[in-house]
Amino acid sequence: MAGRKLSSYRGVRALVTGASSGIGRLLAQRLAAGGARVALAARRADELEALAAEIRSAGGEALVVPCDVGERASVEAACDEVIAAWGGVDLLVNNAGYGAHRTFLEWDYDDIERMMRVNYLGSVLFTKRLLPGMVERKKGWVVFVSSMAGHVGTPEEAPYAATKFALRGLAEGLSIEIEDAGVHVLTVCPGVIQTPFFDQEMLARMPPVALKQFVPVEGMVDAIQKALAKGQHHLTYPRNLAVAFVVKAIAPTFFRGQVKKNTFDALRKAQRAKGE
């Protein structure tokens, strides 16, 4: 069943987290170009100001709300600032997050905790603060940017995958709870997208199969906009990756073996070839 469709952004009050780069930055630009008022949330205030200047120079409206998504007080202050300025938010894009590639035993606990706060609890906080207004107005959209790692727990990404599994679970349950109140939830599961999310340290630890799957961010944002316009509840991008869900469901043992072969084993083989 399709949900509430969003094809025109004229007059829409939007808030995008992780707006300083990558998917969040380009989506914020697209929303503003379509007539939305866009609140930009991220830690890097200088990058947000630069983006806001671009939006305003093109005739759009942008509000900069520097925010540490992993800190409750910071999130609540950012939400309060947007509500005070615009009276509420119609479209919330929970996009902020970060990742890494290392084994669980190598991963520092403090960073695992921090990642859960940023990738999952940050979205919970923004949604808890802004969703009541949408329900009261009986109109709104909430986008959760999860990941393919929210469907498939791959080696050297286990703590990151846990945050994305949690986010997908929240989105799927919440979607059913609030659809009768006029609020639509879209869960987005990107594959490997060409953004600054992937730094050199991550790229050095990624298996060869993943390095071959990078796709431009423009296509990802196009797909998000089309999914909102159609009222879709779930988006996997690139779409062909969704076949993995079917294989995992009907042949889990085979699927597990292929994941190990093409990620963990392949990465170790590549490292040995380099003499690492």
C-alpha atoms as a PDB file:
ATOM      1  CA  MET A   1       0.000   0.000   0.000  1.00  0.00           C
ATOM      2  CA  ALA A   2       1.374   3.400  -0.960  1.00  0.00           C
ATOM      3  CA  GLY A   3       1.460   6.108   1.669  1.00  0.00           C
ATOM      4  CA  ARG A   4       1.120   9.866   1.540  1.00  0.00           C
ATOM      5  CA  LYS A   5       2.928  11.168  -1.541  1.00  0.00           C
ATOM      6  CA  LEU A   6       5.303  14.132  -1.575  1.00  0.00           C
ATOM      7  CA  SER A   7       5.906  15.459  -5.074  1.00  0.00           C
ATOM      8  CA  SER A   8       5.892  19.214  -4.441  1.00  0.00           C
ATOM      9  CA  TYR A   9       8.156  20.855  -1.866  1.00  0.00           C
ATOM     10  CA  ARG A  10       6.587  24.295  -2.137  1.00  0.00           C
ATOM     11  CA  GLY A  11       6.052  25.578   1.413  1.00  0.00           C
ATOM     12  CA  VAL A  12       7.349  22.380   3.026  1.00  0.00           C
ATOM     13  CA  ARG A  13       9.389  22.892   6.194  1.00  0.00           C
ATOM     14  CA  ALA A  14      12.224  20.375   6.073  1.00  0.00           C
ATOM     15  CA  LEU A  15      15.049  19.418   8.414  1.00  0.00           C
ATOM     16  CA  VAL A  16      17.964  17.368   7.114  1.00  0.00           C
ATOM     17  CA  THR A  17      20.553  15.879   9.460  1.00  0.00           C
ATOM     18  CA  GLY A  18      24.033  15.186   8.173  1.00  0.00           C
ATOM     19  CA  ALA A  19      23.498  18.048   5.736  1.00  0.00           C
ATOM     20  CA  SER A  20      27.139  19.123   5.537  1.00  0.00           C
ATOM     21  CA  SER A  21      28.110  16.557   2.883  1.00  0.00           C
ATOM     22  CA  GLY A  22      27.081  13.598   0.773  1.00  0.00           C
ATOM     23  CA  ILE A  23      23.469  12.493   0.513  1.00  0.00           C
ATOM     24  CA  GLY A  24      22.241  15.047   3.051  1.00  0.00           C
ATOM     25  CA  ARG A  25      23.875  17.989   1.339  1.00  0.00           C
ATOM     26  CA  LEU A  26      22.562  17.214  -2.139  1.00  0.00           C
ATOM     27  CA  LEU A  27      19.085  16.350  -0.882  1.00  0.00           C
ATOM     28  CA  ALA A  28      18.915  19.635   1.049  1.00  0.00           C
ATOM     29  CA  GLN A  29      19.859  21.501  -2.137  1.00  0.00           C
ATOM     30  CA  ARG A  30      17.156  19.674  -4.111  1.00  0.00           C
ATOM     31  CA  LEU A  31      14.486  20.354  -1.491  1.00  0.00           C
ATOM     32  CA  ALA A  32      15.368  24.047  -1.362  1.00  0.00           C
ATOM     33  CA  ALA A  33      15.396  24.306  -5.152  1.00  0.00           C
ATOM     34  CA  GLY A  34      11.869  22.877  -5.127  1.00  0.00           C
ATOM     35  CA  GLY A  35      10.594  25.562  -2.772  1.00  0.00           C
ATOM     36  CA  ALA A  36      11.102  24.007   0.659  1.00  0.00           C
ATOM     37  CA  ARG A  37      12.453  25.868   3.650  1.00  0.00           C
ATOM     38  CA  VAL A  38      15.376  23.716   4.755  1.00  0.00           C
ATOM     39  CA  ALA A  39      16.986  23.487   8.196  1.00  0.00           C
ATOM     40  CA  LEU A  40      20.536  22.163   7.971  1.00  0.00           C
ATOM     41  CA  ALA A  41      21.841  20.106  10.894  1.00  0.00           C
ATOM     42  CA  ALA A  42      25.372  18.746  11.349  1.00  0.00           C
ATOM     43  CA  ARG A  43      28.450  19.400  13.483  1.00  0.00           C
ATOM     44  CA  ARG A  44      30.468  21.336  10.891  1.00  0.00           C
ATOM     45  CA  ALA A  45      28.958  24.808  11.094  1.00  0.00           C
ATOM     46  CA  ASP A  46      31.286  26.208   8.423  1.00  0.00           C
ATOM     47  CA  GLU A  47      30.128  23.625   5.878  1.00  0.00           C
ATOM     48  CA  LEU A  48      26.491  24.305   6.760  1.00  0.00           C
ATOM     49  CA  GLU A  49      26.963  28.053   6.362  1.00  0.00           C
ATOM     50  CA  ALA A  50      28.546  27.507   2.947  1.00  0.00           C
ATOM     51  CA  LEU A  51      25.610  25.339   1.879  1.00  0.00           C
ATOM     52  CA  ALA A  52      23.088  27.844   3.254  1.00  0.00           C
ATOM     53  CA  ALA A  53      24.802  30.612   1.277  1.00  0.00           C
ATOM     54  CA  GLU A  54      24.468  28.560  -1.924  1.00  0.00           C
ATOM     55  CA  ILE A  55      20.787  27.904  -1.249  1.00  0.00           C
ATOM     56  CA  ARG A  56      20.056  31.552  -0.482  1.00  0.00           C
ATOM     57  CA  SER A  57      21.966  32.795  -3.525  1.00  0.00           C
ATOM     58  CA  ALA A  58      19.697  30.582  -5.644  1.00  0.00           C
ATOM     59  CA  GLY A  59      16.615  32.152  -4.071  1.00  0.00           C
ATOM     60  CA  GLY A  60      15.944  29.464  -1.461  1.00  0.00           C
ATOM     61  CA  GLU A  61      15.515  29.618   2.303  1.00  0.00           C
ATOM     62  CA  ALA A  62      17.885  27.854   4.695  1.00  0.00           C
ATOM     63  CA  LEU A  63      18.324  27.801   8.454  1.00  0.00           C
ATOM     64  CA  VAL A  64      21.627  26.627   9.929  1.00  0.00           C
ATOM     65  CA  VAL A  65      21.340  24.663  13.179  1.00  0.00           C
ATOM     66  CA  PRO A  66      24.778  23.300  14.143  1.00  0.00           C
ATOM     67  CA  CYS A  67      24.206  20.144  16.120  1.00  0.00           C
ATOM     68  CA  ASP A  68      25.953  17.074  17.506  1.00  0.00           C
ATOM     69  CA  VAL A  69      23.440  14.374  16.619  1.00  0.00           C
ATOM     70  CA  GLY A  70      24.898  12.097  19.282  1.00  0.00           C
ATOM     71  CA  GLU A  71      24.151  14.490  22.146  1.00  0.00           C
ATOM     72  CA  ARG A  72      20.601  14.828  23.469  1.00  0.00           C
ATOM     73  CA  ALA A  73      20.860  18.454  24.592  1.00  0.00           C
ATOM     74  CA  SER A  74      22.294  19.480  21.221  1.00  0.00           C
ATOM     75  CA  VAL A  75      19.522  17.736  19.278  1.00  0.00           C
ATOM     76  CA  GLU A  76      16.775  19.191  21.435  1.00  0.00           C
ATOM     77  CA  ALA A  77      18.239  22.692  21.123  1.00  0.00           C
ATOM     78  CA  ALA A  78      18.380  22.356  17.322  1.00  0.00           C
ATOM     79  CA  CYS A  79      14.766  21.175  17.157  1.00  0.00           C
ATOM     80  CA  ASP A  80      13.617  23.975  19.444  1.00  0.00           C
ATOM     81  CA  GLU A  81      15.361  26.542  17.243  1.00  0.00           C
ATOM     82  CA  VAL A  82      13.617  25.270  14.106  1.00  0.00           C
ATOM     83  CA  ILE A  83      10.224  25.119  15.828  1.00  0.00           C
ATOM     84  CA  ALA A  84      10.683  28.655  17.132  1.00  0.00           C
ATOM     85  CA  ALA A  85      11.580  29.895  13.652  1.00  0.00           C
ATOM     86  CA  TRP A  86       9.000  28.011  11.562  1.00  0.00           C
ATOM     87  CA  GLY A  87       6.445  26.600  13.978  1.00  0.00           C
ATOM     88  CA  GLY A  88       7.299  23.001  13.152  1.00  0.00           C
ATOM     89  CA  VAL A  89       8.718  20.600  10.574  1.00  0.00           C
ATOM     90  CA  ASP A  90       6.802  18.767   7.833  1.00  0.00           C
ATOM     91  CA  LEU A  91       9.661  16.641   6.484  1.00  0.00           C
ATOM     92  CA  LEU A  92      12.389  15.158   8.686  1.00  0.00           C
ATOM     93  CA  VAL A  93      15.312  13.419   7.001  1.00  0.00           C
ATOM     94  CA  ASN A  94      17.300  11.355   9.511  1.00  0.00           C
ATOM     95  CA  ASN A  95      20.459  11.009   7.461  1.00  0.00           C
ATOM     96  CA  ALA A  96      23.373  11.681   9.855  1.00  0.00           C
ATOM     97  CA  GLY A  97      25.682   8.789  10.588  1.00  0.00           C
ATOM     98  CA  TYR A  98      29.198   7.450  10.312  1.00  0.00           C
ATOM     99  CA  GLY A  99      30.884   4.084   9.953  1.00  0.00           C
ATOM    100  CA  ALA A 100      34.183   2.250   9.929  1.00  0.00           C
ATOM    101  CA  HIS A 101      35.731  -1.027   8.796  1.00  0.00           C
ATOM    102  CA  ARG A 102      37.456  -3.071  11.481  1.00  0.00           C
ATOM    103  CA  THR A 103      36.885  -6.327  13.293  1.00  0.00           C
ATOM    104  CA  PHE A 104      34.772  -6.313  16.440  1.00  0.00           C
ATOM    105  CA  LEU A 105      37.827  -7.153  18.561  1.00  0.00           C
ATOM    106  CA  GLU A 106      39.677  -4.145  17.136  1.00  0.00           C
ATOM    107  CA  TRP A 107      36.748  -1.796  17.697  1.00  0.00           C
ATOM    108  CA  ASP A 108      36.945   0.463  20.735  1.00  0.00           C
ATOM    109  CA  TYR A 109      33.869   0.231  22.960  1.00  0.00           C
ATOM    110  CA  ASP A 110      33.580   4.014  23.340  1.00  0.00           C
ATOM    111  CA  ASP A 111      33.313   4.367  19.572  1.00  0.00           C
ATOM    112  CA  ILE A 112      30.708   1.581  19.380  1.00  0.00           C
ATOM    113  CA  GLU A 113      28.649   3.459  21.960  1.00  0.00           C
ATOM    114  CA  ARG A 114      29.151   6.761  20.171  1.00  0.00           C
ATOM    115  CA  MET A 115      28.127   5.211  16.846  1.00  0.00           C
ATOM    116  CA  MET A 116      24.888   3.914  18.331  1.00  0.00           C
ATOM    117  CA  ARG A 117      24.119   7.372  19.711  1.00  0.00           C
ATOM    118  CA  VAL A 118      24.785   9.093  16.381  1.00  0.00           C
ATOM    119  CA  ASN A 119      23.421   6.546  13.913  1.00  0.00           C
ATOM    120  CA  TYR A 120      20.397   5.363  15.873  1.00  0.00           C
ATOM    121  CA  LEU A 121      19.570   7.373  18.984  1.00  0.00           C
ATOM    122  CA  GLY A 122      20.097  10.684  17.159  1.00  0.00           C
ATOM    123  CA  SER A 123      17.288   9.720  14.794  1.00  0.00           C
ATOM    124  CA  VAL A 124      15.156   8.665  17.754  1.00  0.00           C
ATOM    125  CA  LEU A 125      15.690  12.065  19.405  1.00  0.00           C
ATOM    126  CA  PHE A 126      14.873  14.126  16.306  1.00  0.00           C
ATOM    127  CA  THR A 127      11.805  12.016  15.620  1.00  0.00           C
ATOM    128  CA  LYS A 128      10.549  12.126  19.220  1.00  0.00           C
ATOM    129  CA  ARG A 129      10.810  15.906  19.220  1.00  0.00           C
ATOM    130  CA  LEU A 130       9.323  16.645  15.777  1.00  0.00           C
ATOM    131  CA  LEU A 131       6.852  13.816  15.155  1.00  0.00           C
ATOM    132  CA  PRO A 132       4.172  14.994  17.646  1.00  0.00           C
ATOM    133  CA  GLY A 133       3.635  18.167  15.600  1.00  0.00           C
ATOM    134  CA  MET A 134       3.194  16.139  12.427  1.00  0.00           C
ATOM    135  CA  VAL A 135       0.662  13.848  14.102  1.00  0.00           C
ATOM    136  CA  GLU A 136      -1.216  16.838  15.483  1.00  0.00           C
ATOM    137  CA  ARG A 137      -1.380  18.413  12.015  1.00  0.00           C
ATOM    138  CA  LYS A 138      -2.132  14.987  10.468  1.00  0.00           C
ATOM    139  CA  LYS A 139       0.536  15.577   7.841  1.00  0.00           C
ATOM    140  CA  GLY A 140       4.219  14.825   7.618  1.00  0.00           C
ATOM    141  CA  TRP A 141       7.044  12.702   6.282  1.00  0.00           C
ATOM    142  CA  VAL A 142       9.933  11.037   8.107  1.00  0.00           C
ATOM    143  CA  VAL A 143      12.857   9.575   6.158  1.00  0.00           C
ATOM    144  CA  PHE A 144      15.303   7.187   7.824  1.00  0.00           C
ATOM    145  CA  VAL A 145      18.540   6.577   5.926  1.00  0.00           C
ATOM    146  CA  SER A 146      19.543   3.076   6.973  1.00  0.00           C
ATOM    147  CA  SER A 147      21.867   0.965   4.798  1.00  0.00           C
ATOM    148  CA  MET A 148      22.266  -2.368   3.053  1.00  0.00           C
ATOM    149  CA  ALA A 149      24.169  -3.078   6.274  1.00  0.00           C
ATOM    150  CA  GLY A 150      20.769  -2.763   7.944  1.00  0.00           C
ATOM    151  CA  HIS A 151      19.742  -5.946   6.114  1.00  0.00           C
ATOM    152  CA  VAL A 152      23.022  -7.876   5.929  1.00  0.00           C
ATOM    153  CA  GLY A 153      25.477  -8.027   8.813  1.00  0.00           C
ATOM    154  CA  THR A 154      28.836  -8.132   7.067  1.00  0.00           C
ATOM    155  CA  PRO A 155      32.202  -8.818   8.729  1.00  0.00           C
ATOM    156  CA  GLU A 156      34.290  -5.794   9.749  1.00  0.00           C
ATOM    157  CA  GLU A 157      31.070  -3.772   9.973  1.00  0.00           C
ATOM    158  CA  ALA A 158      29.283  -5.551  12.824  1.00  0.00           C
ATOM    159  CA  PRO A 159      28.797  -2.576  15.225  1.00  0.00           C
ATOM    160  CA  TYR A 160      27.867  -0.288  12.308  1.00  0.00           C
ATOM    161  CA  ALA A 161      25.420  -2.869  10.963  1.00  0.00           C
ATOM    162  CA  ALA A 162      23.825  -3.113  14.411  1.00  0.00           C
ATOM    163  CA  THR A 163      23.012   0.616  14.330  1.00  0.00           C
ATOM    164  CA  LYS A 164      21.450   0.295  10.892  1.00  0.00           C
ATOM    165  CA  PHE A 165      19.463  -2.831  11.785  1.00  0.00           C
ATOM    166  CA  ALA A 166      18.092  -0.890  14.759  1.00  0.00           C
ATOM    167  CA  LEU A 167      17.189   2.088  12.589  1.00  0.00           C
ATOM    168  CA  ARG A 168      15.398  -0.087  10.035  1.00  0.00           C
ATOM    169  CA  GLY A 169      13.439  -1.851  12.759  1.00  0.00           C
ATOM    170  CA  LEU A 170      12.376   1.452  14.271  1.00  0.00           C
ATOM    171  CA  ALA A 171      11.289   2.806  10.894  1.00  0.00           C
ATOM    172  CA  GLU A 172       9.283  -0.262   9.891  1.00  0.00           C
ATOM    173  CA  GLY A 173       7.336  -0.437  13.142  1.00  0.00           C
ATOM    174  CA  LEU A 174       6.824   3.307  13.385  1.00  0.00           C
ATOM    175  CA  SER A 175       5.558   3.440   9.803  1.00  0.00           C
ATOM    176  CA  ILE A 176       2.580   1.265  10.689  1.00  0.00           C
ATOM    177  CA  GLU A 177       1.885   3.082  13.957  1.00  0.00           C
ATOM    178  CA  ILE A 178       1.538   6.530  12.420  1.00  0.00           C
ATOM    179  CA  GLU A 179       0.248   6.034   8.888  1.00  0.00           C
ATOM    180  CA  ASP A 180      -3.381   6.456   9.985  1.00  0.00           C
ATOM    181  CA  ALA A 181      -2.370   9.788  11.550  1.00  0.00           C
ATOM    182  CA  GLY A 182      -1.332  11.059   8.111  1.00  0.00           C
ATOM    183  CA  VAL A 183       2.434  10.729   8.599  1.00  0.00           C
ATOM    184  CA  HIS A 184       4.457   8.758   6.061  1.00  0.00           C
ATOM    185  CA  VAL A 185       7.706   6.921   6.792  1.00  0.00           C
ATOM    186  CA  LEU A 186      10.275   6.075   4.124  1.00  0.00           C
ATOM    187  CA  THR A 187      13.198   3.773   4.935  1.00  0.00           C
ATOM    188  CA  VAL A 188      16.194   4.163   2.606  1.00  0.00           C
ATOM    189  CA  CYS A 189      18.850   1.452   2.309  1.00  0.00           C
ATOM    190  CA  PRO A 190      21.766   2.643   0.171  1.00  0.00           C
ATOM    191  CA  GLY A 191      24.521   0.436  -1.114  1.00  0.00           C
ATOM    192  CA  VAL A 192      27.994   1.913  -1.627  1.00  0.00           C
ATOM    193  CA  ILE A 193      27.533   5.576  -2.541  1.00  0.00           C
ATOM    194  CA  GLN A 194      30.307   7.937  -3.650  1.00  0.00           C
ATOM    195  CA  THR A 195      30.388  10.376  -0.722  1.00  0.00           C
ATOM    196  CA  PRO A 196      32.932  11.589   1.875  1.00  0.00           C
ATOM    197  CA  PHE A 197      31.413   8.974   4.218  1.00  0.00           C
ATOM    198  CA  PHE A 198      34.091   6.627   2.890  1.00  0.00           C
ATOM    199  CA  ASP A 199      37.488   7.960   3.972  1.00  0.00           C
ATOM    200  CA  GLN A 200      40.851   6.465   3.017  1.00  0.00           C
ATOM    201  CA  GLU A 201      41.018   4.316   6.140  1.00  0.00           C
ATOM    202  CA  MET A 202      37.658   2.723   5.316  1.00  0.00           C
ATOM    203  CA  LEU A 203      38.509   2.252   1.656  1.00  0.00           C
ATOM    204  CA  ALA A 204      41.720   0.439   2.583  1.00  0.00           C
ATOM    205  CA  ARG A 205      39.743  -2.135   4.586  1.00  0.00           C
ATOM    206  CA  MET A 206      36.864  -2.665   2.166  1.00  0.00           C
ATOM    207  CA  PRO A 207      36.732  -5.926   0.186  1.00  0.00           C
ATOM    208  CA  PRO A 208      37.259  -5.795  -3.605  1.00  0.00           C
ATOM    209  CA  VAL A 209      33.598  -6.588  -4.362  1.00  0.00           C
ATOM    210  CA  ALA A 210      32.477  -3.502  -2.434  1.00  0.00           C
ATOM    211  CA  LEU A 211      35.007  -1.249  -4.140  1.00  0.00           C
ATOM    212  CA  LYS A 212      33.483  -2.209  -7.500  1.00  0.00           C
ATOM    213  CA  GLN A 213      29.954  -1.255  -6.439  1.00  0.00           C
ATOM    214  CA  PHE A 214      30.313   2.503  -5.890  1.00  0.00           C
ATOM    215  CA  VAL A 215      27.590   4.587  -7.531  1.00  0.00           C
ATOM    216  CA  PRO A 216      27.195   8.394  -7.778  1.00  0.00           C
ATOM    217  CA  VAL A 217      25.284  10.214  -5.061  1.00  0.00           C
ATOM    218  CA  GLU A 218      23.066  11.969  -7.627  1.00  0.00           C
ATOM    219  CA  GLY A 219      21.296   8.722  -8.489  1.00  0.00           C
ATOM    220  CA  MET A 220      20.716   7.999  -4.819  1.00  0.00           C
ATOM    221  CA  VAL A 221      19.066  11.381  -4.243  1.00  0.00           C
ATOM    222  CA  ASP A 222      17.016  11.013  -7.443  1.00  0.00           C
ATOM    223  CA  ALA A 223      15.723   7.700  -6.101  1.00  0.00           C
ATOM    224  CA  ILE A 224      14.795   9.207  -2.718  1.00  0.00           C
ATOM    225  CA  GLN A 225      12.810  11.963  -4.395  1.00  0.00           C
ATOM    226  CA  LYS A 226      11.011   9.480  -6.649  1.00  0.00           C
ATOM    227  CA  ALA A 227      10.215   7.242  -3.668  1.00  0.00           C
ATOM    228  CA  LEU A 228       8.691  10.176  -1.774  1.00  0.00           C
ATOM    229  CA  ALA A 229       6.669  11.172  -4.830  1.00  0.00           C
ATOM    230  CA  LYS A 230       5.293   7.634  -5.141  1.00  0.00           C
ATOM    231  CA  GLY A 231       4.577   7.219  -1.438  1.00  0.00           C
ATOM    232  CA  GLN A 232       6.925   4.241  -1.123  1.00  0.00           C
ATOM    233  CA  HIS A 233       7.718   2.868   2.309  1.00  0.00           C
ATOM    234  CA  HIS A 234      11.053   1.272   1.447  1.00  0.00           C
ATOM    235  CA  LEU A 235      13.832   2.048  -1.007  1.00  0.00           C
ATOM    236  CA  THR A 236      16.904  -0.027  -1.766  1.00  0.00           C
ATOM    237  CA  TYR A 237      19.463   1.625  -4.030  1.00  0.00           C
ATOM    238  CA  PRO A 238      20.751   0.472  -6.409  1.00  0.00           C
ATOM    239  CA  ARG A 239      17.562  -1.539  -6.795  1.00  0.00           C
ATOM    240  CA  ASN A 240      19.301  -4.717  -7.996  1.00  0.00           C
ATOM    241  CA  LEU A 241      20.787  -5.146  -4.510  1.00  0.00           C
ATOM    242  CA  ALA A 242      17.354  -6.129  -3.230  1.00  0.00           C
ATOM    243  CA  VAL A 243      17.864  -9.614  -4.718  1.00  0.00           C
ATOM    244  CA  ALA A 244      20.146 -10.238  -1.746  1.00  0.00           C
ATOM    245  CA  PHE A 245      17.140 -10.158   0.596  1.00  0.00           C
ATOM    246  CA  VAL A 246      15.454 -12.932  -1.386  1.00  0.00           C
ATOM    247  CA  VAL A 247      18.551 -15.129  -1.468  1.00  0.00           C
ATOM    248  CA  LYS A 248      19.118 -14.595   2.254  1.00  0.00           C
ATOM    249  CA  ALA A 249      15.521 -15.603   3.014  1.00  0.00           C
ATOM    250  CA  ILE A 250      15.366 -18.767   0.908  1.00  0.00           C
ATOM    251  CA  ALA A 251      18.990 -19.983   1.154  1.00  0.00           C
ATOM    252  CA  PRO A 252      20.495 -18.574   4.358  1.00  0.00           C
ATOM    253  CA  THR A 253      23.400 -21.022   4.610  1.00  0.00           C
ATOM    254  CA  PHE A 254      24.434 -20.412   1.001  1.00  0.00           C
ATOM    255  CA  PHE A 255      24.033 -16.661   1.478  1.00  0.00           C
ATOM    256  CA  ARG A 256      26.191 -16.649   4.622  1.00  0.00           C
ATOM    257  CA  GLY A 257      28.928 -18.548   2.792  1.00  0.00           C
ATOM    258  CA  GLN A 258      28.874 -16.099  -0.105  1.00  0.00           C
ATOM    259  CA  VAL A 259      29.067 -13.113   2.243  1.00  0.00           C
ATOM    260  CA  LYS A 260      32.117 -14.607   3.977  1.00  0.00           C
ATOM    261  CA  LYS A 261      33.770 -15.551   0.689  1.00  0.00           C
ATOM    262  CA  ASN A 262      33.247 -12.172  -0.973  1.00  0.00           C
ATOM    263  CA  THR A 263      34.030  -9.957   2.003  1.00  0.00           C
ATOM    264  CA  PHE A 264      36.115 -11.325   4.873  1.00  0.00           C
ATOM    265  CA  ASP A 265      38.000 -14.001   2.912  1.00  0.00           C
ATOM    266  CA  ALA A 266      38.496 -11.793  -0.160  1.00  0.00           C
ATOM    267  CA  LEU A 267      39.838  -8.927   1.924  1.00  0.00           C
ATOM    268  CA  ARG A 268      42.328 -11.188   3.692  1.00  0.00           C
ATOM    269  CA  LYS A 269      43.445 -12.591   0.337  1.00  0.00           C
ATOM    270  CA  ALA A 270      43.976  -9.077  -1.047  1.00  0.00           C
ATOM    271  CA  GLN A 271      45.933  -8.074   2.040  1.00  0.00           C
ATOM    272  CA  ARG A 272      48.186 -11.105   1.745  1.00  0.00           C
ATOM    273  CA  ALA A 273      48.830 -10.293  -1.909  1.00  0.00           C
ATOM    274  CA  LYS A 274      49.969  -6.815  -0.833  1.00  0.00           C
ATOM    275  CA  GLY A 275      52.196  -8.281   1.839  1.00  0.00           C
ATOM    276  CA  GLU A 276      50.230  -6.682   4.681  1.00  0.00           C
END
